[in-house]
PDB file of all heavy atoms in Angstrom:
ATOM      1  N   LEU A   1     -24.835 -63.373 -55.986  1.00  0.00           N
ATOM      2  CA  LEU A   1     -25.531 -62.627 -54.982  1.00  0.00           C
ATOM      3  C   LEU A   1     -24.660 -61.629 -54.289  1.00  0.00           C
ATOM      4  O   LEU A   1     -24.988 -60.525 -54.008  1.00  0.00           O
ATOM      5  CB  LEU A   1     -26.197 -63.588 -53.923  1.00  0.00           C
ATOM      6  CG  LEU A   1     -27.335 -64.450 -54.490  1.00  0.00           C
ATOM      7  CD1 LEU A   1     -27.686 -65.551 -53.487  1.00  0.00           C
ATOM      8  CD2 LEU A   1     -28.580 -63.619 -54.875  1.00  0.00           C
ATOM      9  N   LEU A   2     -23.467 -62.103 -53.933  1.00  0.00           N
ATOM     10  CA  LEU A   2     -22.472 -61.285 -53.198  1.00  0.00           C
ATOM     11  C   LEU A   2     -22.017 -60.102 -54.102  1.00  0.00           C
ATOM     12  O   LEU A   2     -21.907 -58.963 -53.557  1.00  0.00           O
ATOM     13  CB  LEU A   2     -21.271 -62.059 -52.781  1.00  0.00           C
ATOM     14  CG  LEU A   2     -21.592 -63.104 -51.598  1.00  0.00           C
ATOM     15  CD1 LEU A   2     -20.345 -63.994 -51.419  1.00  0.00           C
ATOM     16  CD2 LEU A   2     -21.887 -62.397 -50.310  1.00  0.00           C
ATOM     17  N   ALA A   3     -21.881 -60.376 -55.339  1.00  0.00           N
ATOM     18  CA  ALA A   3     -21.401 -59.257 -56.243  1.00  0.00           C
ATOM     19  C   ALA A   3     -22.558 -58.193 -56.381  1.00  0.00           C
ATOM     20  O   ALA A   3     -22.252 -56.981 -56.340  1.00  0.00           O
ATOM     21  CB  ALA A   3     -21.074 -59.816 -57.620  1.00  0.00           C
ATOM     22  N   GLU A   4     -23.782 -58.651 -56.530  1.00  0.00           N
ATOM     23  CA  GLU A   4     -24.899 -57.689 -56.553  1.00  0.00           C
ATOM     24  C   GLU A   4     -25.001 -56.920 -55.345  1.00  0.00           C
ATOM     25  O   GLU A   4     -25.243 -55.688 -55.333  1.00  0.00           O
ATOM     26  CB  GLU A   4     -26.220 -58.426 -56.885  1.00  0.00           C
ATOM     27  CG  GLU A   4     -27.360 -57.449 -57.079  1.00  0.00           C
ATOM     28  CD  GLU A   4     -28.759 -58.134 -57.291  1.00  0.00           C
ATOM     29  OE1 GLU A   4     -28.805 -59.336 -57.379  1.00  0.00           O
ATOM     30  OE2 GLU A   4     -29.709 -57.420 -57.328  1.00  0.00           O
ATOM     31  N   TYR A   5     -24.853 -57.586 -54.213  1.00  0.00           N
ATOM     32  CA  TYR A   5     -24.949 -56.967 -52.890  1.00  0.00           C
ATOM     33  C   TYR A   5     -23.922 -55.829 -52.762  1.00  0.00           C
ATOM     34  O   TYR A   5     -24.260 -54.669 -52.444  1.00  0.00           O
ATOM     35  CB  TYR A   5     -24.769 -57.951 -51.763  1.00  0.00           C
ATOM     36  CG  TYR A   5     -25.149 -57.409 -50.356  1.00  0.00           C
ATOM     37  CD1 TYR A   5     -26.373 -57.661 -49.827  1.00  0.00           C
ATOM     38  CD2 TYR A   5     -24.186 -56.674 -49.647  1.00  0.00           C
ATOM     39  CE1 TYR A   5     -26.661 -57.114 -48.566  1.00  0.00           C
ATOM     40  CE2 TYR A   5     -24.506 -56.145 -48.444  1.00  0.00           C
ATOM     41  CZ  TYR A   5     -25.772 -56.404 -47.888  1.00  0.00           C
ATOM     42  OH  TYR A   5     -26.049 -55.865 -46.645  1.00  0.00           O
ATOM     43  N   GLY A   6     -22.661 -56.159 -53.161  1.00  0.00           N
ATOM     44  CA  GLY A   6     -21.591 -55.153 -53.067  1.00  0.00           C
ATOM     45  C   GLY A   6     -21.838 -53.977 -54.027  1.00  0.00           C
ATOM     46  O   GLY A   6     -21.637 -52.819 -53.672  1.00  0.00           O
ATOM     47  N   HIS A   7     -22.315 -54.317 -55.240  1.00  0.00           N
ATOM     48  CA  HIS A   7     -22.608 -53.256 -56.253  1.00  0.00           C
ATOM     49  C   HIS A   7     -23.681 -52.305 -55.686  1.00  0.00           C
ATOM     50  O   HIS A   7     -23.498 -51.058 -55.793  1.00  0.00           O
ATOM     51  CB  HIS A   7     -23.035 -53.900 -57.540  1.00  0.00           C
ATOM     52  CG  HIS A   7     -23.501 -52.940 -58.566  1.00  0.00           C
ATOM     53  ND1 HIS A   7     -22.599 -52.157 -59.243  1.00  0.00           N
ATOM     54  CD2 HIS A   7     -24.757 -52.660 -59.070  1.00  0.00           C
ATOM     55  CE1 HIS A   7     -23.305 -51.411 -60.118  1.00  0.00           C
ATOM     56  NE2 HIS A   7     -24.563 -51.647 -59.962  1.00  0.00           N
ATOM     57  N   LEU A   8     -24.756 -52.846 -55.124  1.00  0.00           N
ATOM     58  CA  LEU A   8     -25.856 -52.022 -54.610  1.00  0.00           C
ATOM     59  C   LEU A   8     -25.450 -51.266 -53.368  1.00  0.00           C
ATOM     60  O   LEU A   8     -25.823 -50.060 -53.221  1.00  0.00           O
ATOM     61  CB  LEU A   8     -27.098 -52.875 -54.405  1.00  0.00           C
ATOM     62  CG  LEU A   8     -27.732 -53.512 -55.659  1.00  0.00           C
ATOM     63  CD1 LEU A   8     -28.922 -54.390 -55.251  1.00  0.00           C
ATOM     64  CD2 LEU A   8     -28.145 -52.482 -56.691  1.00  0.00           C
ATOM     65  N   ALA A   9     -24.744 -51.915 -52.460  1.00  0.00           N
ATOM     66  CA  ALA A   9     -24.332 -51.182 -51.268  1.00  0.00           C
ATOM     67  C   ALA A   9     -23.372 -50.042 -51.586  1.00  0.00           C
ATOM     68  O   ALA A   9     -23.468 -49.006 -50.888  1.00  0.00           O
ATOM     69  CB  ALA A   9     -23.590 -52.234 -50.339  1.00  0.00           C
ATOM     70  N   ALA A  10     -22.583 -50.103 -52.644  1.00  0.00           N
ATOM     71  CA  ALA A  10     -21.729 -49.000 -52.997  1.00  0.00           C
ATOM     72  C   ALA A  10     -22.478 -47.817 -53.484  1.00  0.00           C
ATOM     73  O   ALA A  10     -21.979 -46.693 -53.437  1.00  0.00           O
ATOM     74  CB  ALA A  10     -20.695 -49.527 -54.024  1.00  0.00           C
ATOM     75  N   GLN A  11     -23.741 -48.037 -53.893  1.00  0.00           N
ATOM     76  CA  GLN A  11     -24.565 -46.931 -54.375  1.00  0.00           C
ATOM     77  C   GLN A  11     -25.286 -46.173 -53.272  1.00  0.00           C
ATOM     78  O   GLN A  11     -25.724 -45.056 -53.506  1.00  0.00           O
ATOM     79  CB  GLN A  11     -25.652 -47.455 -55.386  1.00  0.00           C
ATOM     80  CG  GLN A  11     -25.067 -48.068 -56.634  1.00  0.00           C
ATOM     81  CD  GLN A  11     -26.229 -48.599 -57.495  1.00  0.00           C
ATOM     82  OE1 GLN A  11     -27.265 -48.034 -57.563  1.00  0.00           O
ATOM     83  NE2 GLN A  11     -25.872 -49.675 -58.234  1.00  0.00           N
ATOM     84  N   LEU A  12     -25.283 -46.749 -52.061  1.00  0.00           N
ATOM     85  CA  LEU A  12     -26.061 -46.097 -50.982  1.00  0.00           C
ATOM     86  C   LEU A  12     -25.557 -44.669 -50.657  1.00  0.00           C
ATOM     87  O   LEU A  12     -26.473 -43.830 -50.464  1.00  0.00           O
ATOM     88  CB  LEU A  12     -26.034 -47.032 -49.753  1.00  0.00           C
ATOM     89  CG  LEU A  12     -26.982 -48.109 -49.690  1.00  0.00           C
ATOM     90  CD1 LEU A  12     -26.711 -49.025 -48.491  1.00  0.00           C
ATOM     91  CD2 LEU A  12     -28.431 -47.600 -49.682  1.00  0.00           C
ATOM     92  N   PRO A  13     -24.295 -44.466 -50.524  1.00  0.00           N
ATOM     93  CA  PRO A  13     -23.868 -43.115 -50.044  1.00  0.00           C
ATOM     94  C   PRO A  13     -24.360 -41.927 -50.975  1.00  0.00           C
ATOM     95  O   PRO A  13     -24.694 -40.875 -50.436  1.00  0.00           O
ATOM     96  CB  PRO A  13     -22.408 -43.141 -50.075  1.00  0.00           C
ATOM     97  CG  PRO A  13     -22.067 -44.567 -49.899  1.00  0.00           C
ATOM     98  CD  PRO A  13     -23.100 -45.294 -50.620  1.00  0.00           C
ATOM     99  N   GLY A  14     -24.518 -42.138 -52.269  1.00  0.00           N
ATOM    100  CA  GLY A  14     -24.961 -41.056 -53.158  1.00  0.00           C
ATOM    101  C   GLY A  14     -26.395 -41.161 -53.510  1.00  0.00           C
ATOM    102  O   GLY A  14     -26.859 -40.357 -54.391  1.00  0.00           O
ATOM    103  N   ALA A  15     -27.138 -42.025 -52.977  1.00  0.00           N
ATOM    104  CA  ALA A  15     -28.541 -42.308 -53.464  1.00  0.00           C
ATOM    105  C   ALA A  15     -29.477 -41.276 -52.858  1.00  0.00           C
ATOM    106  O   ALA A  15     -29.302 -40.826 -51.795  1.00  0.00           O
ATOM    107  CB  ALA A  15     -28.960 -43.677 -52.993  1.00  0.00           C
ATOM    108  N   SER A  16     -30.536 -40.950 -53.671  1.00  0.00           N
ATOM    109  CA  SER A  16     -31.580 -40.085 -53.150  1.00  0.00           C
ATOM    110  C   SER A  16     -32.359 -40.889 -52.095  1.00  0.00           C
ATOM    111  O   SER A  16     -32.219 -42.084 -52.035  1.00  0.00           O
ATOM    112  CB  SER A  16     -32.560 -39.680 -54.298  1.00  0.00           C
ATOM    113  OG  SER A  16     -33.228 -40.899 -54.766  1.00  0.00           O
ATOM    114  N   ARG A  17     -33.186 -40.210 -51.342  1.00  0.00           N
ATOM    115  CA  ARG A  17     -33.939 -40.980 -50.266  1.00  0.00           C
ATOM    116  C   ARG A  17     -34.823 -42.028 -50.836  1.00  0.00           C
ATOM    117  O   ARG A  17     -34.945 -43.103 -50.335  1.00  0.00           O
ATOM    118  CB  ARG A  17     -34.788 -39.970 -49.509  1.00  0.00           C
ATOM    119  CG  ARG A  17     -33.998 -39.110 -48.577  1.00  0.00           C
ATOM    120  CD  ARG A  17     -34.899 -38.163 -47.820  1.00  0.00           C
ATOM    121  NE  ARG A  17     -34.045 -37.207 -47.132  1.00  0.00           N
ATOM    122  CZ  ARG A  17     -34.111 -36.989 -45.832  1.00  0.00           C
ATOM    123  NH1 ARG A  17     -34.866 -37.721 -45.113  1.00  0.00           N
ATOM    124  NH2 ARG A  17     -33.267 -36.068 -45.288  1.00  0.00           N
ATOM    125  N   ARG A  18     -35.455 -41.705 -51.996  1.00  0.00           N
ATOM    126  CA  ARG A  18     -36.359 -42.698 -52.620  1.00  0.00           C
ATOM    127  C   ARG A  18     -35.573 -43.870 -53.165  1.00  0.00           C
ATOM    128  O   ARG A  18     -35.930 -45.069 -52.895  1.00  0.00           O
ATOM    129  CB  ARG A  18     -37.069 -42.027 -53.737  1.00  0.00           C
ATOM    130  CG  ARG A  18     -38.250 -42.861 -54.244  1.00  0.00           C
ATOM    131  CD  ARG A  18     -39.157 -42.099 -55.182  1.00  0.00           C
ATOM    132  NE  ARG A  18     -38.588 -42.266 -56.525  1.00  0.00           N
ATOM    133  CZ  ARG A  18     -39.261 -41.909 -57.616  1.00  0.00           C
ATOM    134  NH1 ARG A  18     -40.378 -41.282 -57.539  1.00  0.00           N
ATOM    135  NH2 ARG A  18     -38.734 -42.082 -58.800  1.00  0.00           N
ATOM    136  N   HIS A  19     -34.423 -43.609 -53.860  1.00  0.00           N
ATOM    137  CA  HIS A  19     -33.615 -44.725 -54.327  1.00  0.00           C
ATOM    138  C   HIS A  19     -32.973 -45.501 -53.202  1.00  0.00           C
ATOM    139  O   HIS A  19     -32.782 -46.690 -53.241  1.00  0.00           O
ATOM    140  CB  HIS A  19     -32.594 -44.161 -55.300  1.00  0.00           C
ATOM    141  CG  HIS A  19     -31.909 -45.205 -56.096  1.00  0.00           C
ATOM    142  ND1 HIS A  19     -32.545 -46.025 -56.949  1.00  0.00           N
ATOM    143  CD2 HIS A  19     -30.607 -45.596 -56.125  1.00  0.00           C
ATOM    144  CE1 HIS A  19     -31.708 -46.872 -57.557  1.00  0.00           C
ATOM    145  NE2 HIS A  19     -30.504 -46.611 -57.033  1.00  0.00           N
ATOM    146  N   GLU A  20     -32.599 -44.799 -52.097  1.00  0.00           N
ATOM    147  CA  GLU A  20     -32.005 -45.426 -50.973  1.00  0.00           C
ATOM    148  C   GLU A  20     -32.991 -46.453 -50.380  1.00  0.00           C
ATOM    149  O   GLU A  20     -32.594 -47.579 -50.002  1.00  0.00           O
ATOM    150  CB  GLU A  20     -31.650 -44.420 -49.855  1.00  0.00           C
ATOM    151  CG  GLU A  20     -30.999 -45.029 -48.634  1.00  0.00           C
ATOM    152  CD  GLU A  20     -30.686 -43.984 -47.584  1.00  0.00           C
ATOM    153  OE1 GLU A  20     -30.868 -42.775 -47.800  1.00  0.00           O
ATOM    154  OE2 GLU A  20     -30.257 -44.384 -46.502  1.00  0.00           O
ATOM    155  N   ALA A  21     -34.279 -46.087 -50.252  1.00  0.00           N
ATOM    156  CA  ALA A  21     -35.226 -47.004 -49.762  1.00  0.00           C
ATOM    157  C   ALA A  21     -35.331 -48.279 -50.615  1.00  0.00           C
ATOM    158  O   ALA A  21     -35.409 -49.386 -50.063  1.00  0.00           O
ATOM    159  CB  ALA A  21     -36.624 -46.345 -49.618  1.00  0.00           C
ATOM    160  N   ALA A  22     -35.319 -48.125 -51.918  1.00  0.00           N
ATOM    161  CA  ALA A  22     -35.363 -49.242 -52.830  1.00  0.00           C
ATOM    162  C   ALA A  22     -34.080 -50.109 -52.694  1.00  0.00           C
ATOM    163  O   ALA A  22     -34.188 -51.349 -52.688  1.00  0.00           O
ATOM    164  CB  ALA A  22     -35.575 -48.754 -54.300  1.00  0.00           C
ATOM    165  N   LEU A  23     -32.980 -49.446 -52.572  1.00  0.00           N
ATOM    166  CA  LEU A  23     -31.732 -50.182 -52.453  1.00  0.00           C
ATOM    167  C   LEU A  23     -31.731 -50.999 -51.129  1.00  0.00           C
ATOM    168  O   LEU A  23     -31.358 -52.190 -51.139  1.00  0.00           O
ATOM    169  CB  LEU A  23     -30.504 -49.231 -52.379  1.00  0.00           C
ATOM    170  CG  LEU A  23     -30.118 -48.604 -53.696  1.00  0.00           C
ATOM    171  CD1 LEU A  23     -29.106 -47.504 -53.498  1.00  0.00           C
ATOM    172  CD2 LEU A  23     -29.477 -49.651 -54.624  1.00  0.00           C
ATOM    173  N   GLN A  24     -32.208 -50.411 -50.039  1.00  0.00           N
ATOM    174  CA  GLN A  24     -32.163 -51.114 -48.799  1.00  0.00           C
ATOM    175  C   GLN A  24     -33.162 -52.233 -48.768  1.00  0.00           C
ATOM    176  O   GLN A  24     -32.875 -53.311 -48.278  1.00  0.00           O
ATOM    177  CB  GLN A  24     -32.457 -50.097 -47.664  1.00  0.00           C
ATOM    178  CG  GLN A  24     -31.315 -49.180 -47.382  1.00  0.00           C
ATOM    179  CD  GLN A  24     -31.466 -48.323 -46.134  1.00  0.00           C
ATOM    180  OE1 GLN A  24     -32.519 -48.346 -45.493  1.00  0.00           O
ATOM    181  NE2 GLN A  24     -30.446 -47.613 -45.858  1.00  0.00           N
ATOM    182  N   ALA A  25     -34.265 -52.144 -49.471  1.00  0.00           N
ATOM    183  CA  ALA A  25     -35.224 -53.246 -49.603  1.00  0.00           C
ATOM    184  C   ALA A  25     -34.566 -54.379 -50.373  1.00  0.00           C
ATOM    185  O   ALA A  25     -34.695 -55.532 -49.973  1.00  0.00           O
ATOM    186  CB  ALA A  25     -36.511 -52.763 -50.308  1.00  0.00           C
ATOM    187  N   ARG A  26     -33.920 -54.089 -51.506  1.00  0.00           N
ATOM    188  CA  ARG A  26     -33.263 -55.161 -52.262  1.00  0.00           C
ATOM    189  C   ARG A  26     -32.064 -55.735 -51.477  1.00  0.00           C
ATOM    190  O   ARG A  26     -31.840 -56.936 -51.576  1.00  0.00           O
ATOM    191  CB  ARG A  26     -32.794 -54.565 -53.621  1.00  0.00           C
ATOM    192  CG  ARG A  26     -32.065 -55.578 -54.450  1.00  0.00           C
ATOM    193  CD  ARG A  26     -32.989 -56.789 -54.895  1.00  0.00           C
ATOM    194  NE  ARG A  26     -32.251 -57.731 -55.715  1.00  0.00           N
ATOM    195  CZ  ARG A  26     -32.413 -59.019 -55.753  1.00  0.00           C
ATOM    196  NH1 ARG A  26     -33.368 -59.572 -55.021  1.00  0.00           N
ATOM    197  NH2 ARG A  26     -31.674 -59.766 -56.498  1.00  0.00           N
ATOM    198  N   LEU A  27     -31.302 -54.931 -50.735  1.00  0.00           N
ATOM    199  CA  LEU A  27     -30.212 -55.466 -50.009  1.00  0.00           C
ATOM    200  C   LEU A  27     -30.714 -56.452 -48.935  1.00  0.00           C
ATOM    201  O   LEU A  27     -30.116 -57.417 -48.624  1.00  0.00           O
ATOM    202  CB  LEU A  27     -29.448 -54.347 -49.346  1.00  0.00           C
ATOM    203  CG  LEU A  27     -28.552 -53.537 -50.299  1.00  0.00           C
ATOM    204  CD1 LEU A  27     -28.060 -52.233 -49.593  1.00  0.00           C
ATOM    205  CD2 LEU A  27     -27.453 -54.367 -50.932  1.00  0.00           C
ATOM    206  N   ALA A  28     -31.869 -56.093 -48.298  1.00  0.00           N
ATOM    207  CA  ALA A  28     -32.490 -56.977 -47.313  1.00  0.00           C
ATOM    208  C   ALA A  28     -32.873 -58.330 -47.976  1.00  0.00           C
ATOM    209  O   ALA A  28     -32.657 -59.398 -47.372  1.00  0.00           O
ATOM    210  CB  ALA A  28     -33.674 -56.346 -46.608  1.00  0.00           C
TER     211      ALA A  28
END
């Protein structure tokens, strides 16, 4: 879980708005 969290969080800075929303939902 921690590895996935870190992997997804690292994608946030370059994510499109749509992908950012999906990332934030999965991170939550």
